[in-house]
Amino acid sequence: MDTKRKSKILIVEDEFFLAETVKVRLEYLGYEVFYAENGSEALDFLKTNVVDVVLMDIMMPVMDGWEATRRIKADAKLKKLPVIFLTARARTEERAKGMEAGGDDYLTKPFEFQDLIAMVEKWIKK
């Protein structure tokens, strides 16, 4: 990456192995990556930290990704923060619900890592 500072990504995912796998691969590409295991933890993290993009699972304990995204987009300081849903929920209605919640993009699991990178880079460059 040719940026002066590392782009920062927050992964919000309750499946530790998947989150860790994505984190390690993103770090290898030069991103600074943080991790929260549910929407509530993500919101707490975002109160005191700045990131460039959020990778958001939907089905998580404590607070799901739809609610966390609604709260992110309702916050004046965070509303422009890109949120990419990474979820096994592939039905059209669920994708629509994600967009209604304020999601900026939607990638279904399982996914190809290069598709995730292309999506992340698209939103970081905006």
C-alpha atoms as a PDB file:
ATOM      1  CA  MET A   1       0.000   0.000   0.000  1.00  0.00           C
ATOM      2  CA  ASP A   2       1.245   3.463  -0.850  1.00  0.00           C
ATOM      3  CA  THR A   3      -0.462   5.386   1.926  1.00  0.00           C
ATOM      4  CA  LYS A   4       1.437   7.435   4.511  1.00  0.00           C
ATOM      5  CA  ARG A   5      -0.422   5.709   7.344  1.00  0.00           C
ATOM      6  CA  LYS A   6      -1.836   2.239   7.502  1.00  0.00           C
ATOM      7  CA  SER A   7      -5.531   2.060   6.751  1.00  0.00           C
ATOM      8  CA  LYS A   8      -7.442   0.801   9.778  1.00  0.00           C
ATOM      9  CA  ILE A   9     -10.105  -1.894   9.674  1.00  0.00           C
ATOM     10  CA  LEU A  10     -12.427  -3.082  12.434  1.00  0.00           C
ATOM     11  CA  ILE A  11     -13.636  -6.688  12.124  1.00  0.00           C
ATOM     12  CA  VAL A  12     -16.862  -7.360  14.032  1.00  0.00           C
ATOM     13  CA  GLU A  13     -17.297 -11.129  14.094  1.00  0.00           C
ATOM     14  CA  ASP A  14     -18.216 -13.672  16.787  1.00  0.00           C
ATOM     15  CA  GLU A  15     -16.462 -16.589  15.056  1.00  0.00           C
ATOM     16  CA  PHE A  16     -12.927 -16.112  16.369  1.00  0.00           C
ATOM     17  CA  PHE A  17     -11.213 -18.395  13.848  1.00  0.00           C
ATOM     18  CA  LEU A  18     -12.728 -16.559  10.870  1.00  0.00           C
ATOM     19  CA  ALA A  19     -11.961 -13.144  12.386  1.00  0.00           C
ATOM     20  CA  GLU A  20      -8.375 -14.145  13.147  1.00  0.00           C
ATOM     21  CA  THR A  21      -7.853 -15.582   9.655  1.00  0.00           C
ATOM     22  CA  VAL A  22      -9.120 -12.385   7.991  1.00  0.00           C
ATOM     23  CA  LYS A  23      -7.135 -10.222  10.450  1.00  0.00           C
ATOM     24  CA  VAL A  24      -3.834 -12.011   9.757  1.00  0.00           C
ATOM     25  CA  ARG A  25      -4.316 -11.815   5.989  1.00  0.00           C
ATOM     26  CA  LEU A  26      -5.234  -8.110   6.100  1.00  0.00           C
ATOM     27  CA  GLU A  27      -2.265  -7.326   8.348  1.00  0.00           C
ATOM     28  CA  TYR A  28       0.013  -9.137   5.899  1.00  0.00           C
ATOM     29  CA  LEU A  29      -1.210  -6.697   3.222  1.00  0.00           C
ATOM     30  CA  GLY A  30      -0.322  -3.740   5.441  1.00  0.00           C
ATOM     31  CA  TYR A  31      -3.628  -2.880   7.109  1.00  0.00           C
ATOM     32  CA  GLU A  32      -3.934  -2.179  10.820  1.00  0.00           C
ATOM     33  CA  VAL A  33      -6.722  -4.458  12.022  1.00  0.00           C
ATOM     34  CA  PHE A  34      -8.830  -4.434  15.192  1.00  0.00           C
ATOM     35  CA  TYR A  35     -11.365  -6.967  16.417  1.00  0.00           C
ATOM     36  CA  ALA A  36     -14.678  -6.870  18.264  1.00  0.00           C
ATOM     37  CA  GLU A  37     -16.783  -9.966  18.877  1.00  0.00           C
ATOM     38  CA  ASN A  38     -20.191  -8.273  18.777  1.00  0.00           C
ATOM     39  CA  GLY A  39     -21.924  -5.024  17.863  1.00  0.00           C
ATOM     40  CA  SER A  40     -21.810  -3.649  21.392  1.00  0.00           C
ATOM     41  CA  GLU A  41     -18.027  -4.103  21.602  1.00  0.00           C
ATOM     42  CA  ALA A  42     -17.691  -2.462  18.184  1.00  0.00           C
ATOM     43  CA  LEU A  43     -19.634   0.617  19.296  1.00  0.00           C
ATOM     44  CA  ASP A  44     -17.534   0.901  22.452  1.00  0.00           C
ATOM     45  CA  PHE A  45     -14.349   0.644  20.363  1.00  0.00           C
ATOM     46  CA  LEU A  46     -15.530   3.289  17.901  1.00  0.00           C
ATOM     47  CA  LYS A  47     -16.159   5.800  20.715  1.00  0.00           C
ATOM     48  CA  THR A  48     -12.404   6.170  21.200  1.00  0.00           C
ATOM     49  CA  ASN A  49     -10.819   4.871  17.984  1.00  0.00           C
ATOM     50  CA  VAL A  50     -10.916   5.886  14.325  1.00  0.00           C
ATOM     51  CA  VAL A  51     -11.021   3.302  11.547  1.00  0.00           C
ATOM     52  CA  ASP A  52     -11.422   3.545   7.771  1.00  0.00           C
ATOM     53  CA  VAL A  53     -13.867   0.673   7.292  1.00  0.00           C
ATOM     54  CA  VAL A  54     -15.865  -1.852   9.353  1.00  0.00           C
ATOM     55  CA  LEU A  55     -16.343  -5.493   8.363  1.00  0.00           C
ATOM     56  CA  MET A  56     -19.602  -6.437  10.101  1.00  0.00           C
ATOM     57  CA  ASP A  57     -21.092  -9.873  10.685  1.00  0.00           C
ATOM     58  CA  ILE A  58     -24.869  -9.937  11.184  1.00  0.00           C
ATOM     59  CA  MET A  59     -25.661 -12.826  13.523  1.00  0.00           C
ATOM     60  CA  MET A  60     -23.802 -12.183  16.800  1.00  0.00           C
ATOM     61  CA  PRO A  61     -24.656 -12.353  20.499  1.00  0.00           C
ATOM     62  CA  VAL A  62     -25.314  -9.215  22.593  1.00  0.00           C
ATOM     63  CA  MET A  63     -25.973  -6.934  19.586  1.00  0.00           C
ATOM     64  CA  ASP A  64     -26.385  -8.063  15.978  1.00  0.00           C
ATOM     65  CA  GLY A  65     -24.767  -6.367  13.003  1.00  0.00           C
ATOM     66  CA  TRP A  66     -27.957  -4.733  11.774  1.00  0.00           C
ATOM     67  CA  GLU A  67     -28.481  -2.893  15.076  1.00  0.00           C
ATOM     68  CA  ALA A  68     -24.806  -1.980  15.402  1.00  0.00           C
ATOM     69  CA  THR A  69     -24.812  -0.559  11.870  1.00  0.00           C
ATOM     70  CA  ARG A  70     -27.980   1.455  12.535  1.00  0.00           C
ATOM     71  CA  ARG A  71     -26.285   2.964  15.585  1.00  0.00           C
ATOM     72  CA  ILE A  72     -23.075   3.704  13.689  1.00  0.00           C
ATOM     73  CA  LYS A  73     -24.997   5.467  10.924  1.00  0.00           C
ATOM     74  CA  ALA A  74     -27.101   7.404  13.479  1.00  0.00           C
ATOM     75  CA  ASP A  75     -23.959   8.861  15.071  1.00  0.00           C
ATOM     76  CA  ALA A  76     -22.989  12.178  13.462  1.00  0.00           C
ATOM     77  CA  LYS A  77     -19.252  11.391  13.849  1.00  0.00           C
ATOM     78  CA  LEU A  78     -19.535   7.891  12.386  1.00  0.00           C
ATOM     79  CA  LYS A  79     -22.274   8.124   9.757  1.00  0.00           C
ATOM     80  CA  LYS A  80     -19.819   8.294   6.826  1.00  0.00           C
ATOM     81  CA  LEU A  81     -17.834   5.278   8.074  1.00  0.00           C
ATOM     82  CA  PRO A  82     -18.174   2.504   5.470  1.00  0.00           C
ATOM     83  CA  VAL A  83     -19.722  -0.704   6.824  1.00  0.00           C
ATOM     84  CA  ILE A  84     -19.326  -3.885   4.773  1.00  0.00           C
ATOM     85  CA  PHE A  85     -21.493  -6.784   5.883  1.00  0.00           C
ATOM     86  CA  LEU A  86     -19.674 -10.144   5.873  1.00  0.00           C
ATOM     87  CA  THR A  87     -22.336 -12.737   6.495  1.00  0.00           C
ATOM     88  CA  ALA A  88     -23.675 -16.155   5.665  1.00  0.00           C
ATOM     89  CA  ARG A  89     -27.115 -14.533   5.318  1.00  0.00           C
ATOM     90  CA  ALA A  90     -27.370 -14.593   1.533  1.00  0.00           C
ATOM     91  CA  ARG A  91     -31.083 -14.083   0.871  1.00  0.00           C
ATOM     92  CA  THR A  92     -32.152 -10.988  -1.057  1.00  0.00           C
ATOM     93  CA  GLU A  93     -34.363  -9.808   1.818  1.00  0.00           C
ATOM     94  CA  GLU A  94     -31.417  -9.974   4.222  1.00  0.00           C
ATOM     95  CA  ARG A  95     -29.213  -8.009   1.846  1.00  0.00           C
ATOM     96  CA  ALA A  96     -31.983  -5.389   1.591  1.00  0.00           C
ATOM     97  CA  LYS A  97     -32.285  -5.289   5.387  1.00  0.00           C
ATOM     98  CA  GLY A  98     -28.529  -4.717   5.610  1.00  0.00           C
ATOM     99  CA  MET A  99     -28.709  -1.806   3.204  1.00  0.00           C
ATOM    100  CA  GLU A 100     -31.708  -0.365   5.065  1.00  0.00           C
ATOM    101  CA  ALA A 101     -29.671  -0.540   8.282  1.00  0.00           C
ATOM    102  CA  GLY A 102     -27.070   1.659   6.572  1.00  0.00           C
ATOM    103  CA  GLY A 103     -24.632  -0.922   5.252  1.00  0.00           C
ATOM    104  CA  ASP A 104     -22.498   0.221   2.341  1.00  0.00           C
ATOM    105  CA  ASP A 105     -21.702  -3.177   0.864  1.00  0.00           C
ATOM    106  CA  TYR A 106     -22.519  -6.852   1.382  1.00  0.00           C
ATOM    107  CA  LEU A 107     -20.339  -9.922   0.928  1.00  0.00           C
ATOM    108  CA  THR A 108     -21.641 -13.411   1.668  1.00  0.00           C
ATOM    109  CA  LYS A 109     -19.669 -16.192   3.348  1.00  0.00           C
ATOM    110  CA  PRO A 110     -17.907 -18.146   2.176  1.00  0.00           C
ATOM    111  CA  PHE A 111     -16.096 -15.500   0.162  1.00  0.00           C
ATOM    112  CA  GLU A 112     -12.933 -15.266  -1.868  1.00  0.00           C
ATOM    113  CA  PHE A 113     -10.309 -13.202  -0.049  1.00  0.00           C
ATOM    114  CA  GLN A 114      -9.519 -11.186  -3.199  1.00  0.00           C
ATOM    115  CA  ASP A 115     -13.203 -10.147  -3.367  1.00  0.00           C
ATOM    116  CA  LEU A 116     -12.983  -8.896   0.217  1.00  0.00           C
ATOM    117  CA  ILE A 117      -9.792  -6.956  -0.551  1.00  0.00           C
ATOM    118  CA  ALA A 118     -11.348  -5.360  -3.643  1.00  0.00           C
ATOM    119  CA  MET A 119     -14.370  -4.295  -1.588  1.00  0.00           C
ATOM    120  CA  VAL A 120     -12.238  -2.899   1.247  1.00  0.00           C
ATOM    121  CA  GLU A 121     -10.029  -0.958  -1.171  1.00  0.00           C
ATOM    122  CA  LYS A 122     -13.070   0.432  -2.962  1.00  0.00           C
ATOM    123  CA  TRP A 123     -14.402   1.946   0.276  1.00  0.00           C
ATOM    124  CA  ILE A 124     -11.072   3.120   1.653  1.00  0.00           C
ATOM    125  CA  LYS A 125     -10.335   5.073  -1.538  1.00  0.00           C
ATOM    126  CA  LYS A 126     -13.615   6.995  -1.405  1.00  0.00           C
END
